[in-house]
Structures are given as C-alpha cells and as structure tokens.
Amino acid sequence: MLLQQYPLRVLVVEDNRDLAKLFCDLLEVMGCIAEAVFNARSALESARRDAPDLVFCDLRLPGGKSGFELASEMRADPSLAHIPLIAVTGYAHGEERERALQAGFERVFEKPVKFAQMMEVLNTFRKD
C-alpha cells in the first residue's frame, strides 16, 4: 500500500553514496521527499534546517561521529527529540542492536533493508 496525502520528509544518513541514492530513489517511489547526507555533522545540520519527519541512519559513519552519537545528540536536542530514528546497519545483532535502541533508535534494520520493512515504518510514522 502506498502512502497517501502528506508526503513524509525523510533524511537518509549513509556514507555509501550509491546506497544512499538507491535508498532515496526507493523512498521517492514510495511517495516521500528524501534527502541523503553522508555523515553525522551534515545530518544534524539538515535536521535542524529542514526538520524531517523520519530519519534512516547507518550506525557506522565517517567523520568522528557514529550513528549512535547522532541519535544521542538528536534525543538531547528538544527541537529534534521527537523525530523517529531508524538504524540501518550491516551488524544488527545482539550488543549493537541493544546499543542502538539505548541511543534512541526506534528500530534497527539489517542491510539490505527490505521494501516491506521500509513501507511498514513509513506507514507507522506517516502524519495524516
């Protein structure tokens, strides 16, 4: 089922540029407005500027801040704390999964993320 009415603004934080583009293309096919950034610093700047409805974030990012740190900073910022965070990782097992949830992610998906997982998340967090 495709999203209806209000298009979600989704921020994709992924250092692999090809994967980020593919993720954004898929989100746009699903009816979203998607933007990709490639590190945590850019993600914070974009989130503060554009207030996305949802963030998909890789946990292992270059540039000195991980996805865990990004989530913690967003949860500590009153203007960003309400934005749902979805972790995307190649290592979604045990300790890393628990660490992501403790950092503030609502869900943790292992790469490659499945279409059905993305659609379920989009429908869960869609605003009417």
C-alpha atoms as a PDB file:
ATOM      1  CA  MET A   1       0.000   0.000   0.000  1.00  0.00           C
ATOM      2  CA  LEU A   2       1.467   3.359  -0.989  1.00  0.00           C
ATOM      3  CA  LEU A   3       1.461   6.322   1.311  1.00  0.00           C
ATOM      4  CA  GLN A   4      -1.401   8.747   0.944  1.00  0.00           C
ATOM      5  CA  GLN A   5      -1.769  12.519   1.137  1.00  0.00           C
ATOM      6  CA  TYR A   6       1.021  14.138   3.128  1.00  0.00           C
ATOM      7  CA  PRO A   7       4.459  13.110   1.796  1.00  0.00           C
ATOM      8  CA  LEU A   8       6.927  12.267   4.545  1.00  0.00           C
ATOM      9  CA  ARG A   9      10.203  14.197   4.538  1.00  0.00           C
ATOM     10  CA  VAL A  10      12.846  11.540   5.132  1.00  0.00           C
ATOM     11  CA  LEU A  11      16.523  12.088   5.877  1.00  0.00           C
ATOM     12  CA  VAL A  12      18.867   9.257   4.888  1.00  0.00           C
ATOM     13  CA  VAL A  13      22.243   9.236   6.658  1.00  0.00           C
ATOM     14  CA  GLU A  14      24.504   6.804   4.810  1.00  0.00           C
ATOM     15  CA  ASP A  15      28.198   7.133   3.907  1.00  0.00           C
ATOM     16  CA  ASN A  16      27.947   4.804   0.893  1.00  0.00           C
ATOM     17  CA  ARG A  17      26.775   7.277  -1.758  1.00  0.00           C
ATOM     18  CA  ASP A  18      25.424   4.634  -4.132  1.00  0.00           C
ATOM     19  CA  LEU A  19      23.389   3.016  -1.374  1.00  0.00           C
ATOM     20  CA  ALA A  20      22.170   6.442  -0.196  1.00  0.00           C
ATOM     21  CA  LYS A  21      20.966   7.277  -3.716  1.00  0.00           C
ATOM     22  CA  LEU A  22      19.225   3.913  -4.076  1.00  0.00           C
ATOM     23  CA  PHE A  23      17.567   4.363  -0.671  1.00  0.00           C
ATOM     24  CA  CYS A  24      16.357   7.864  -1.610  1.00  0.00           C
ATOM     25  CA  ASP A  25      15.101   6.693  -5.006  1.00  0.00           C
ATOM     26  CA  LEU A  26      13.103   3.935  -3.329  1.00  0.00           C
ATOM     27  CA  LEU A  27      11.671   6.350  -0.754  1.00  0.00           C
ATOM     28  CA  GLU A  28      10.615   8.729  -3.531  1.00  0.00           C
ATOM     29  CA  VAL A  29       8.865   5.879  -5.367  1.00  0.00           C
ATOM     30  CA  MET A  30       7.019   5.276  -2.078  1.00  0.00           C
ATOM     31  CA  GLY A  31       5.800   8.870  -2.079  1.00  0.00           C
ATOM     32  CA  CYS A  32       8.362  10.517   0.200  1.00  0.00           C
ATOM     33  CA  ILE A  33      10.583  13.537  -0.166  1.00  0.00           C
ATOM     34  CA  ALA A  34      14.065  12.186   0.542  1.00  0.00           C
ATOM     35  CA  GLU A  35      17.431  13.806   1.187  1.00  0.00           C
ATOM     36  CA  ALA A  36      20.745  11.997   1.640  1.00  0.00           C
ATOM     37  CA  VAL A  37      23.650  13.152   3.763  1.00  0.00           C
ATOM     38  CA  PHE A  38      26.871  11.266   4.319  1.00  0.00           C
ATOM     39  CA  ASN A  39      27.967  11.948   7.914  1.00  0.00           C
ATOM     40  CA  ALA A  40      26.546  12.828  11.332  1.00  0.00           C
ATOM     41  CA  ARG A  41      27.548  16.508  11.217  1.00  0.00           C
ATOM     42  CA  SER A  42      25.649  17.024   7.952  1.00  0.00           C
ATOM     43  CA  ALA A  43      22.705  15.082   9.365  1.00  0.00           C
ATOM     44  CA  LEU A  44      22.420  17.408  12.359  1.00  0.00           C
ATOM     45  CA  GLU A  45      22.650  20.488  10.118  1.00  0.00           C
ATOM     46  CA  SER A  46      19.987  19.129   7.772  1.00  0.00           C
ATOM     47  CA  ALA A  47      17.668  18.044  10.595  1.00  0.00           C
ATOM     48  CA  ARG A  48      17.889  21.461  12.269  1.00  0.00           C
ATOM     49  CA  ARG A  49      17.295  23.245   8.966  1.00  0.00           C
ATOM     50  CA  ASP A  50      14.517  21.077   7.491  1.00  0.00           C
ATOM     51  CA  ALA A  51      13.014  19.100  10.425  1.00  0.00           C
ATOM     52  CA  PRO A  52      12.461  15.738   8.680  1.00  0.00           C
ATOM     53  CA  ASP A  53       9.555  13.510   9.661  1.00  0.00           C
ATOM     54  CA  LEU A  54      11.775  10.443   9.852  1.00  0.00           C
ATOM     55  CA  VAL A  55      15.495   9.547   9.746  1.00  0.00           C
ATOM     56  CA  PHE A  56      17.067   6.347   8.443  1.00  0.00           C
ATOM     57  CA  CYS A  57      20.657   6.262   9.710  1.00  0.00           C
ATOM     58  CA  ASP A  58      23.639   3.971   9.244  1.00  0.00           C
ATOM     59  CA  LEU A  59      25.305   3.237  12.569  1.00  0.00           C
ATOM     60  CA  ARG A  60      28.880   3.331  11.291  1.00  0.00           C
ATOM     61  CA  LEU A  61      29.636   6.731   9.829  1.00  0.00           C
ATOM     62  CA  PRO A  62      32.868   8.539   8.948  1.00  0.00           C
ATOM     63  CA  GLY A  63      33.902  11.917  10.304  1.00  0.00           C
ATOM     64  CA  GLY A  64      34.275  11.351  14.014  1.00  0.00           C
ATOM     65  CA  LYS A  65      30.613  10.750  14.966  1.00  0.00           C
ATOM     66  CA  SER A  66      28.787   7.466  14.640  1.00  0.00           C
ATOM     67  CA  GLY A  67      25.092   6.910  14.149  1.00  0.00           C
ATOM     68  CA  PHE A  68      24.894   6.117  17.872  1.00  0.00           C
ATOM     69  CA  GLU A  69      26.277   9.559  18.717  1.00  0.00           C
ATOM     70  CA  LEU A  70      23.977  11.219  16.192  1.00  0.00           C
ATOM     71  CA  ALA A  71      20.960   9.562  17.815  1.00  0.00           C
ATOM     72  CA  SER A  72      22.070  10.617  21.287  1.00  0.00           C
ATOM     73  CA  GLU A  73      22.562  14.223  20.153  1.00  0.00           C
ATOM     74  CA  MET A  74      19.180  14.313  18.429  1.00  0.00           C
ATOM     75  CA  ARG A  75      17.444  12.887  21.511  1.00  0.00           C
ATOM     76  CA  ALA A  76      19.144  15.547  23.687  1.00  0.00           C
ATOM     77  CA  ASP A  77      18.011  18.410  21.415  1.00  0.00           C
ATOM     78  CA  PRO A  78      14.398  19.441  22.212  1.00  0.00           C
ATOM     79  CA  SER A  79      13.838  20.578  18.624  1.00  0.00           C
ATOM     80  CA  LEU A  80      14.862  17.146  17.228  1.00  0.00           C
ATOM     81  CA  ALA A  81      13.970  14.711  20.011  1.00  0.00           C
ATOM     82  CA  HIS A  82      10.543  13.877  18.542  1.00  0.00           C
ATOM     83  CA  ILE A  83      11.865  12.724  15.142  1.00  0.00           C
ATOM     84  CA  PRO A  84      11.681   8.923  14.738  1.00  0.00           C
ATOM     85  CA  LEU A  85      15.078   7.325  14.129  1.00  0.00           C
ATOM     86  CA  ILE A  86      15.553   4.036  12.286  1.00  0.00           C
ATOM     87  CA  ALA A  87      19.000   2.418  12.428  1.00  0.00           C
ATOM     88  CA  VAL A  88      20.314   0.691   9.329  1.00  0.00           C
ATOM     89  CA  THR A  89      23.380  -1.497   9.755  1.00  0.00           C
ATOM     90  CA  GLY A  90      25.276  -4.475   8.462  1.00  0.00           C
ATOM     91  CA  TYR A  91      25.712  -5.610  12.067  1.00  0.00           C
ATOM     92  CA  ALA A  92      22.211  -5.813  13.598  1.00  0.00           C
ATOM     93  CA  HIS A  93      23.000  -8.486  16.163  1.00  0.00           C
ATOM     94  CA  GLY A  94      22.961  -8.583  19.948  1.00  0.00           C
ATOM     95  CA  GLU A  95      25.026  -5.861  21.537  1.00  0.00           C
ATOM     96  CA  GLU A  96      24.966  -3.456  18.576  1.00  0.00           C
ATOM     97  CA  ARG A  97      21.178  -3.713  18.312  1.00  0.00           C
ATOM     98  CA  GLU A  98      20.759  -3.060  22.047  1.00  0.00           C
ATOM     99  CA  ARG A  99      23.216  -0.163  21.918  1.00  0.00           C
ATOM    100  CA  ALA A 100      21.248   1.401  19.025  1.00  0.00           C
ATOM    101  CA  LEU A 101      17.957   1.139  20.919  1.00  0.00           C
ATOM    102  CA  GLN A 102      19.566   2.665  24.014  1.00  0.00           C
ATOM    103  CA  ALA A 103      20.931   5.553  21.898  1.00  0.00           C
ATOM    104  CA  GLY A 104      17.374   6.411  20.840  1.00  0.00           C
ATOM    105  CA  PHE A 105      16.606   4.475  17.658  1.00  0.00           C
ATOM    106  CA  GLU A 106      13.036   3.131  17.416  1.00  0.00           C
ATOM    107  CA  ARG A 107      14.001   0.218  15.182  1.00  0.00           C
ATOM    108  CA  VAL A 108      17.138  -1.468  13.890  1.00  0.00           C
ATOM    109  CA  PHE A 109      17.189  -2.949  10.380  1.00  0.00           C
ATOM    110  CA  GLU A 110      19.941  -5.067   8.926  1.00  0.00           C
ATOM    111  CA  LYS A 111      21.207  -4.216   5.441  1.00  0.00           C
ATOM    112  CA  PRO A 112      19.855  -4.681   2.921  1.00  0.00           C
ATOM    113  CA  VAL A 113      16.631  -3.173   4.218  1.00  0.00           C
ATOM    114  CA  LYS A 114      13.598  -4.841   2.717  1.00  0.00           C
ATOM    115  CA  PHE A 115      10.865  -2.925   0.892  1.00  0.00           C
ATOM    116  CA  ALA A 116       8.231  -4.273   3.303  1.00  0.00           C
ATOM    117  CA  GLN A 117      10.222  -3.032   6.321  1.00  0.00           C
ATOM    118  CA  MET A 118      10.514   0.440   4.820  1.00  0.00           C
ATOM    119  CA  MET A 119       6.827   0.586   3.944  1.00  0.00           C
ATOM    120  CA  GLU A 120       5.791  -0.540   7.431  1.00  0.00           C
ATOM    121  CA  VAL A 121       7.934   2.187   9.017  1.00  0.00           C
ATOM    122  CA  LEU A 122       6.653   4.848   6.630  1.00  0.00           C
ATOM    123  CA  ASN A 123       3.050   3.911   7.324  1.00  0.00           C
ATOM    124  CA  THR A 124       3.671   3.809  11.090  1.00  0.00           C
ATOM    125  CA  PHE A 125       5.144   7.311  11.210  1.00  0.00           C
ATOM    126  CA  ARG A 126       3.063   8.945   8.449  1.00  0.00           C
ATOM    127  CA  LYS A 127       1.214  12.057   9.530  1.00  0.00           C
ATOM    128  CA  ASP A 128      -2.333  12.473   8.301  1.00  0.00           C
END
